[in-house]
Amino acid sequence: MRNVKQQIVGFAALALLAGIVTAAAQSPPANPPVRVRGTVEKLDGNTLMVKTREGQDATIKLPDNYRVLGLTKITIA
């Protein structure tokens, strides 16, 4: 009975180690996401023009599979 418990603990430890090694082997994305806060002035194809909160103009080249999220200030009333 003791030998069976040792085997189970050994297999569990091996599975945990394999999971840790797999997670550590994953590489970060080639182009990590960049957050830009401001007002969208224009979207022309894959080129996004934004007026930043600091008042600067930013021109951003978007990849083909880009995602855009927006926030709108609202009240409960």
PDB file of N, CA and C in Angstrom:
ATOM      1  N   MET A   1       0.835  -1.198   0.000  1.00  0.00           N
ATOM      2  CA  MET A   1       0.000   0.000   0.000  1.00  0.00           C
ATOM      3  C   MET A   1       0.875   1.257   0.000  1.00  0.00           C
ATOM      4  N   ARG A   2       1.943   1.235   0.773  1.00  0.00           N
ATOM      5  CA  ARG A   2       2.826   2.404   0.857  1.00  0.00           C
ATOM      6  C   ARG A   2       3.504   2.671  -0.485  1.00  0.00           C
ATOM      7  N   ASN A   3       3.870   1.626  -1.192  1.00  0.00           N
ATOM      8  CA  ASN A   3       4.520   1.754  -2.489  1.00  0.00           C
ATOM      9  C   ASN A   3       3.579   2.406  -3.496  1.00  0.00           C
ATOM     10  N   VAL A   4       2.289   2.097  -3.439  1.00  0.00           N
ATOM     11  CA  VAL A   4       1.301   2.686  -4.347  1.00  0.00           C
ATOM     12  C   VAL A   4       1.176   4.182  -4.079  1.00  0.00           C
ATOM     13  N   LYS A   5       1.151   4.572  -2.807  1.00  0.00           N
ATOM     14  CA  LYS A   5       1.071   5.995  -2.471  1.00  0.00           C
ATOM     15  C   LYS A   5       2.304   6.746  -2.966  1.00  0.00           C
ATOM     16  N   GLN A   6       3.470   6.130  -2.831  1.00  0.00           N
ATOM     17  CA  GLN A   6       4.695   6.765  -3.303  1.00  0.00           C
ATOM     18  C   GLN A   6       4.661   6.945  -4.818  1.00  0.00           C
ATOM     19  N   GLN A   7       4.123   5.954  -5.520  1.00  0.00           N
ATOM     20  CA  GLN A   7       4.022   6.063  -6.974  1.00  0.00           C
ATOM     21  C   GLN A   7       3.061   7.185  -7.372  1.00  0.00           C
ATOM     22  N   ILE A   8       1.938   7.284  -6.671  1.00  0.00           N
ATOM     23  CA  ILE A   8       0.963   8.335  -6.985  1.00  0.00           C
ATOM     24  C   ILE A   8       1.570   9.709  -6.751  1.00  0.00           C
ATOM     25  N   VAL A   9       2.258   9.868  -5.612  1.00  0.00           N
ATOM     26  CA  VAL A   9       2.915  11.146  -5.320  1.00  0.00           C
ATOM     27  C   VAL A   9       3.982  11.444  -6.360  1.00  0.00           C
ATOM     28  N   GLY A  10       4.723  10.432  -6.774  1.00  0.00           N
ATOM     29  CA  GLY A  10       5.759  10.616  -7.797  1.00  0.00           C
ATOM     30  C   GLY A  10       5.179  11.046  -9.128  1.00  0.00           C
ATOM     31  N   PHE A  11       4.078  10.397  -9.544  1.00  0.00           N
ATOM     32  CA  PHE A  11       3.429  10.771 -10.805  1.00  0.00           C
ATOM     33  C   PHE A  11       2.858  12.189 -10.733  1.00  0.00           C
ATOM     34  N   ALA A  12       2.282  12.549  -9.586  1.00  0.00           N
ATOM     35  CA  ALA A  12       1.736  13.898  -9.428  1.00  0.00           C
ATOM     36  C   ALA A  12       2.850  14.936  -9.499  1.00  0.00           C
ATOM     37  N   ALA A  13       3.976  14.657  -8.867  1.00  0.00           N
ATOM     38  CA  ALA A  13       5.110  15.589  -8.909  1.00  0.00           C
ATOM     39  C   ALA A  13       5.645  15.718 -10.328  1.00  0.00           C
ATOM     40  N   LEU A  14       5.723  14.612 -11.042  1.00  0.00           N
ATOM     41  CA  LEU A  14       6.194  14.645 -12.424  1.00  0.00           C
ATOM     42  C   LEU A  14       5.247  15.453 -13.312  1.00  0.00           C
ATOM     43  N   ALA A  15       3.940  15.271 -13.123  1.00  0.00           N
ATOM     44  CA  ALA A  15       2.961  16.029 -13.904  1.00  0.00           C
ATOM     45  C   ALA A  15       3.056  17.517 -13.605  1.00  0.00           C
ATOM     46  N   LEU A  16       3.242  17.861 -12.336  1.00  0.00           N
ATOM     47  CA  LEU A  16       3.390  19.269 -11.953  1.00  0.00           C
ATOM     48  C   LEU A  16       4.640  19.876 -12.577  1.00  0.00           C
ATOM     49  N   LEU A  17       5.738  19.131 -12.533  1.00  0.00           N
ATOM     50  CA  LEU A  17       6.987  19.613 -13.123  1.00  0.00           C
ATOM     51  C   LEU A  17       6.841  19.807 -14.628  1.00  0.00           C
ATOM     52  N   ALA A  18       6.159  18.877 -15.293  1.00  0.00           N
ATOM     53  CA  ALA A  18       5.947  18.999 -16.743  1.00  0.00           C
ATOM     54  C   ALA A  18       5.118  20.240 -17.058  1.00  0.00           C
ATOM     55  N   GLY A  19       4.116  20.522 -16.225  1.00  0.00           N
ATOM     56  CA  GLY A  19       3.304  21.720 -16.435  1.00  0.00           C
ATOM     57  C   GLY A  19       4.097  22.990 -16.249  1.00  0.00           C
ATOM     58  N   ILE A  20       4.968  23.014 -15.259  1.00  0.00           N
ATOM     59  CA  ILE A  20       5.798  24.198 -15.013  1.00  0.00           C
ATOM     60  C   ILE A  20       6.773  24.417 -16.154  1.00  0.00           C
ATOM     61  N   VAL A  21       7.390  23.353 -16.640  1.00  0.00           N
ATOM     62  CA  VAL A  21       8.346  23.472 -17.746  1.00  0.00           C
ATOM     63  C   VAL A  21       7.641  23.955 -19.003  1.00  0.00           C
ATOM     64  N   THR A  22       6.440  23.443 -19.272  1.00  0.00           N
ATOM     65  CA  THR A  22       5.687  23.866 -20.452  1.00  0.00           C
ATOM     66  C   THR A  22       5.322  25.342 -20.362  1.00  0.00           C
ATOM     67  N   ALA A  23       4.888  25.800 -19.187  1.00  0.00           N
ATOM     68  CA  ALA A  23       4.523  27.208 -19.024  1.00  0.00           C
ATOM     69  C   ALA A  23       5.748  28.108 -19.161  1.00  0.00           C
ATOM     70  N   ALA A  24       6.903  27.669 -18.667  1.00  0.00           N
ATOM     71  CA  ALA A  24       8.114  28.475 -18.753  1.00  0.00           C
ATOM     72  C   ALA A  24       8.646  28.541 -20.179  1.00  0.00           C
ATOM     73  N   ALA A  25       8.352  27.526 -20.994  1.00  0.00           N
ATOM     74  CA  ALA A  25       8.883  27.477 -22.354  1.00  0.00           C
ATOM     75  C   ALA A  25       8.114  28.377 -23.308  1.00  0.00           C
ATOM     76  N   GLN A  26       6.939  28.860 -22.925  1.00  0.00           N
ATOM     77  CA  GLN A  26       6.163  29.711 -23.816  1.00  0.00           C
ATOM     78  C   GLN A  26       6.850  31.064 -23.940  1.00  0.00           C
ATOM     79  N   SER A  27       6.993  31.516 -25.154  1.00  0.00           N
ATOM     80  CA  SER A  27       7.658  32.792 -25.390  1.00  0.00           C
ATOM     81  C   SER A  27       6.635  33.922 -25.374  1.00  0.00           C
ATOM     82  N   PRO A  28       7.061  35.127 -25.002  1.00  0.00           N
ATOM     83  CA  PRO A  28       6.136  36.266 -25.024  1.00  0.00           C
ATOM     84  C   PRO A  28       5.756  36.610 -26.459  1.00  0.00           C
ATOM     85  N   PRO A  29       4.639  37.305 -26.647  1.00  0.00           N
ATOM     86  CA  PRO A  29       4.224  37.661 -28.009  1.00  0.00           C
ATOM     87  C   PRO A  29       5.261  38.543 -28.685  1.00  0.00           C
ATOM     88  N   ALA A  30       5.377  38.394 -30.007  1.00  0.00           N
ATOM     89  CA  ALA A  30       6.353  39.171 -30.768  1.00  0.00           C
ATOM     90  C   ALA A  30       6.066  40.667 -30.665  1.00  0.00           C
ATOM     91  N   ASN A  31       4.809  41.037 -30.722  1.00  0.00           N
ATOM     92  CA  ASN A  31       4.411  42.432 -30.605  1.00  0.00           C
ATOM     93  C   ASN A  31       3.394  42.549 -29.477  1.00  0.00           C
ATOM     94  N   PRO A  32       3.864  42.839 -28.271  1.00  0.00           N
ATOM     95  CA  PRO A  32       2.912  42.947 -27.167  1.00  0.00           C
ATOM     96  C   PRO A  32       1.950  44.103 -27.396  1.00  0.00           C
ATOM     97  N   PRO A  33       0.734  44.023 -26.853  1.00  0.00           N
ATOM     98  CA  PRO A  33      -0.238  45.092 -27.066  1.00  0.00           C
ATOM     99  C   PRO A  33       0.233  46.410 -26.465  1.00  0.00           C
ATOM    100  N   VAL A  34      -0.146  47.495 -27.121  1.00  0.00           N
ATOM    101  CA  VAL A  34       0.183  48.838 -26.655  1.00  0.00           C
ATOM    102  C   VAL A  34      -1.129  49.564 -26.421  1.00  0.00           C
ATOM    103  N   ARG A  35      -1.254  50.192 -25.269  1.00  0.00           N
ATOM    104  CA  ARG A  35      -2.472  50.941 -24.963  1.00  0.00           C
ATOM    105  C   ARG A  35      -2.233  52.416 -25.234  1.00  0.00           C
ATOM    106  N   VAL A  36      -3.156  52.997 -25.961  1.00  0.00           N
ATOM    107  CA  VAL A  36      -3.108  54.419 -26.283  1.00  0.00           C
ATOM    108  C   VAL A  36      -4.408  55.027 -25.794  1.00  0.00           C
ATOM    109  N   ARG A  37      -4.307  56.101 -25.033  1.00  0.00           N
ATOM    110  CA  ARG A  37      -5.522  56.756 -24.530  1.00  0.00           C
ATOM    111  C   ARG A  37      -5.645  58.107 -25.198  1.00  0.00           C
ATOM    112  N   GLY A  38      -6.832  58.367 -25.718  1.00  0.00           N
ATOM    113  CA  GLY A  38      -7.074  59.625 -26.385  1.00  0.00           C
ATOM    114  C   GLY A  38      -8.345  59.546 -27.198  1.00  0.00           C
ATOM    115  N   THR A  39      -8.459  60.442 -28.142  1.00  0.00           N
ATOM    116  CA  THR A  39      -9.636  60.515 -29.003  1.00  0.00           C
ATOM    117  C   THR A  39      -9.253  60.077 -30.407  1.00  0.00           C
ATOM    118  N   VAL A  40     -10.024  59.145 -30.947  1.00  0.00           N
ATOM    119  CA  VAL A  40      -9.772  58.696 -32.319  1.00  0.00           C
ATOM    120  C   VAL A  40     -10.203  59.805 -33.261  1.00  0.00           C
ATOM    121  N   GLU A  41      -9.269  60.276 -34.052  1.00  0.00           N
ATOM    122  CA  GLU A  41      -9.549  61.324 -35.033  1.00  0.00           C
ATOM    123  C   GLU A  41      -9.950  60.735 -36.381  1.00  0.00           C
ATOM    124  N   LYS A  42      -9.259  59.632 -36.769  1.00  0.00           N
ATOM    125  CA  LYS A  42      -9.519  59.079 -38.097  1.00  0.00           C
ATOM    126  C   LYS A  42      -8.994  57.651 -38.158  1.00  0.00           C
ATOM    127  N   LEU A  43      -9.691  56.785 -38.890  1.00  0.00           N
ATOM    128  CA  LEU A  43      -9.236  55.435 -39.196  1.00  0.00           C
ATOM    129  C   LEU A  43      -9.251  55.291 -40.698  1.00  0.00           C
ATOM    130  N   ASP A  44      -8.073  55.076 -41.281  1.00  0.00           N
ATOM    131  CA  ASP A  44      -7.939  54.954 -42.727  1.00  0.00           C
ATOM    132  C   ASP A  44      -7.250  53.624 -43.018  1.00  0.00           C
ATOM    133  N   GLY A  45      -8.044  52.594 -43.350  1.00  0.00           N
ATOM    134  CA  GLY A  45      -7.479  51.262 -43.578  1.00  0.00           C
ATOM    135  C   GLY A  45      -6.903  50.721 -42.279  1.00  0.00           C
ATOM    136  N   ASN A  46      -5.600  50.498 -42.260  1.00  0.00           N
ATOM    137  CA  ASN A  46      -4.921  50.010 -41.062  1.00  0.00           C
ATOM    138  C   ASN A  46      -4.145  51.115 -40.361  1.00  0.00           C
ATOM    139  N   THR A  47      -4.439  52.353 -40.659  1.00  0.00           N
ATOM    140  CA  THR A  47      -3.765  53.479 -40.016  1.00  0.00           C
ATOM    141  C   THR A  47      -4.765  54.213 -39.138  1.00  0.00           C
ATOM    142  N   LEU A  48      -4.438  54.299 -37.860  1.00  0.00           N
ATOM    143  CA  LEU A  48      -5.294  54.941 -36.871  1.00  0.00           C
ATOM    144  C   LEU A  48      -4.635  56.240 -36.425  1.00  0.00           C
ATOM    145  N   MET A  49      -5.379  57.336 -36.496  1.00  0.00           N
ATOM    146  CA  MET A  49      -4.871  58.624 -36.033  1.00  0.00           C
ATOM    147  C   MET A  49      -5.599  59.003 -34.751  1.00  0.00           C
ATOM    148  N   VAL A  50      -4.819  59.281 -33.698  1.00  0.00           N
ATOM    149  CA  VAL A  50      -5.373  59.537 -32.375  1.00  0.00           C
ATOM    150  C   VAL A  50      -4.811  60.844 -31.841  1.00  0.00           C
ATOM    151  N   LYS A  51      -5.665  61.622 -31.172  1.00  0.00           N
ATOM    152  CA  LYS A  51      -5.228  62.800 -30.416  1.00  0.00           C
ATOM    153  C   LYS A  51      -5.096  62.312 -28.979  1.00  0.00           C
ATOM    154  N   THR A  52      -3.862  62.223 -28.469  1.00  0.00           N
ATOM    155  CA  THR A  52      -3.644  61.673 -27.138  1.00  0.00           C
ATOM    156  C   THR A  52      -4.173  62.607 -26.072  1.00  0.00           C
ATOM    157  N   ARG A  53      -4.279  62.078 -24.846  1.00  0.00           N
ATOM    158  CA  ARG A  53      -4.760  62.901 -23.738  1.00  0.00           C
ATOM    159  C   ARG A  53      -3.810  64.053 -23.445  1.00  0.00           C
ATOM    160  N   GLU A  54      -2.564  63.908 -23.842  1.00  0.00           N
ATOM    161  CA  GLU A  54      -1.581  64.976 -23.644  1.00  0.00           C
ATOM    162  C   GLU A  54      -1.633  66.022 -24.755  1.00  0.00           C
ATOM    163  N   GLY A  55      -2.480  65.795 -25.775  1.00  0.00           N
ATOM    164  CA  GLY A  55      -2.645  66.758 -26.852  1.00  0.00           C
ATOM    165  C   GLY A  55      -1.785  66.488 -28.071  1.00  0.00           C
ATOM    166  N   GLN A  56      -0.998  65.432 -28.061  1.00  0.00           N
ATOM    167  CA  GLN A  56      -0.144  65.107 -29.202  1.00  0.00           C
ATOM    168  C   GLN A  56      -0.912  64.270 -30.213  1.00  0.00           C
ATOM    169  N   ASP A  57      -0.518  64.378 -31.477  1.00  0.00           N
ATOM    170  CA  ASP A  57      -1.091  63.536 -32.523  1.00  0.00           C
ATOM    171  C   ASP A  57      -0.272  62.256 -32.612  1.00  0.00           C
ATOM    172  N   ALA A  58      -0.945  61.108 -32.676  1.00  0.00           N
ATOM    173  CA  ALA A  58      -0.271  59.822 -32.805  1.00  0.00           C
ATOM    174  C   ALA A  58      -0.837  59.096 -34.012  1.00  0.00           C
ATOM    175  N   THR A  59       0.043  58.613 -34.871  1.00  0.00           N
ATOM    176  CA  THR A  59      -0.346  57.810 -36.021  1.00  0.00           C
ATOM    177  C   THR A  59       0.102  56.392 -35.736  1.00  0.00           C
ATOM    178  N   ILE A  60      -0.827  55.461 -35.775  1.00  0.00           N
ATOM    179  CA  ILE A  60      -0.553  54.083 -35.376  1.00  0.00           C
ATOM    180  C   ILE A  60      -0.869  53.158 -36.531  1.00  0.00           C
ATOM    181  N   LYS A  61       0.112  52.347 -36.935  1.00  0.00           N
ATOM    182  CA  LYS A  61      -0.094  51.330 -37.971  1.00  0.00           C
ATOM    183  C   LYS A  61      -0.593  50.078 -37.289  1.00  0.00           C
ATOM    184  N   LEU A  62      -1.788  49.627 -37.669  1.00  0.00           N
ATOM    185  CA  LEU A  62      -2.417  48.475 -37.049  1.00  0.00           C
ATOM    186  C   LEU A  62      -2.163  47.215 -37.872  1.00  0.00           C
ATOM    187  N   PRO A  63      -2.036  46.055 -37.206  1.00  0.00           N
ATOM    188  CA  PRO A  63      -1.901  44.800 -37.965  1.00  0.00           C
ATOM    189  C   PRO A  63      -3.233  44.441 -38.609  1.00  0.00           C
ATOM    190  N   ASP A  64      -3.224  43.445 -39.478  1.00  0.00           N
ATOM    191  CA  ASP A  64      -4.448  43.040 -40.176  1.00  0.00           C
ATOM    192  C   ASP A  64      -5.531  42.541 -39.221  1.00  0.00           C
ATOM    193  N   ASN A  65      -5.140  41.948 -38.096  1.00  0.00           N
ATOM    194  CA  ASN A  65      -6.121  41.373 -37.171  1.00  0.00           C
ATOM    195  C   ASN A  65      -6.261  42.224 -35.909  1.00  0.00           C
ATOM    196  N   TYR A  66      -6.304  43.540 -36.054  1.00  0.00           N
ATOM    197  CA  TYR A  66      -6.336  44.418 -34.890  1.00  0.00           C
ATOM    198  C   TYR A  66      -7.688  44.387 -34.190  1.00  0.00           C
ATOM    199  N   ARG A  67      -7.666  44.753 -32.876  1.00  0.00           N
ATOM    200  CA  ARG A  67      -8.886  44.891 -32.078  1.00  0.00           C
ATOM    201  C   ARG A  67      -8.856  46.269 -31.440  1.00  0.00           C
ATOM    202  N   VAL A  68     -10.006  46.909 -31.398  1.00  0.00           N
ATOM    203  CA  VAL A  68     -10.112  48.231 -30.796  1.00  0.00           C
ATOM    204  C   VAL A  68     -11.160  48.169 -29.694  1.00  0.00           C
ATOM    205  N   LEU A  69     -10.822  48.690 -28.523  1.00  0.00           N
ATOM    206  CA  LEU A  69     -11.748  48.770 -27.409  1.00  0.00           C
ATOM    207  C   LEU A  69     -11.978  50.235 -27.093  1.00  0.00           C
ATOM    208  N   GLY A  70     -13.182  50.575 -26.684  1.00  0.00           N
ATOM    209  CA  GLY A  70     -13.487  51.952 -26.354  1.00  0.00           C
ATOM    210  C   GLY A  70     -14.202  52.055 -25.035  1.00  0.00           C
ATOM    211  N   LEU A  71     -14.051  53.172 -24.379  1.00  0.00           N
ATOM    212  CA  LEU A  71     -14.723  53.459 -23.116  1.00  0.00           C
ATOM    213  C   LEU A  71     -15.562  54.705 -23.279  1.00  0.00           C
ATOM    214  N   THR A  72     -16.715  54.696 -22.664  1.00  0.00           N
ATOM    215  CA  THR A  72     -17.591  55.852 -22.667  1.00  0.00           C
ATOM    216  C   THR A  72     -17.991  56.168 -21.250  1.00  0.00           C
ATOM    217  N   LYS A  73     -17.847  57.417 -20.860  1.00  0.00           N
ATOM    218  CA  LYS A  73     -18.225  57.832 -19.531  1.00  0.00           C
ATOM    219  C   LYS A  73     -19.753  57.901 -19.435  1.00  0.00           C
ATOM    220  N   ILE A  74     -20.311  57.229 -18.412  1.00  0.00           N
ATOM    221  CA  ILE A  74     -21.757  57.241 -18.215  1.00  0.00           C
ATOM    222  C   ILE A  74     -22.050  57.477 -16.734  1.00  0.00           C
ATOM    223  N   THR A  75     -23.302  57.774 -16.452  1.00  0.00           N
ATOM    224  CA  THR A  75     -23.731  57.907 -15.067  1.00  0.00           C
ATOM    225  C   THR A  75     -24.856  56.910 -14.819  1.00  0.00           C
ATOM    226  N   ILE A  76     -25.116  56.620 -13.550  1.00  0.00           N
ATOM    227  CA  ILE A  76     -26.200  55.694 -13.207  1.00  0.00           C
ATOM    228  C   ILE A  76     -27.561  56.313 -13.505  1.00  0.00           C
ATOM    229  N   ALA A  77     -27.654  57.622 -13.427  1.00  0.00           N
ATOM    230  CA  ALA A  77     -28.913  58.307 -13.678  1.00  0.00           C
ATOM    231  C   ALA A  77     -29.281  58.124 -15.129  1.00  0.00           C
TER     232      ALA A  77
END
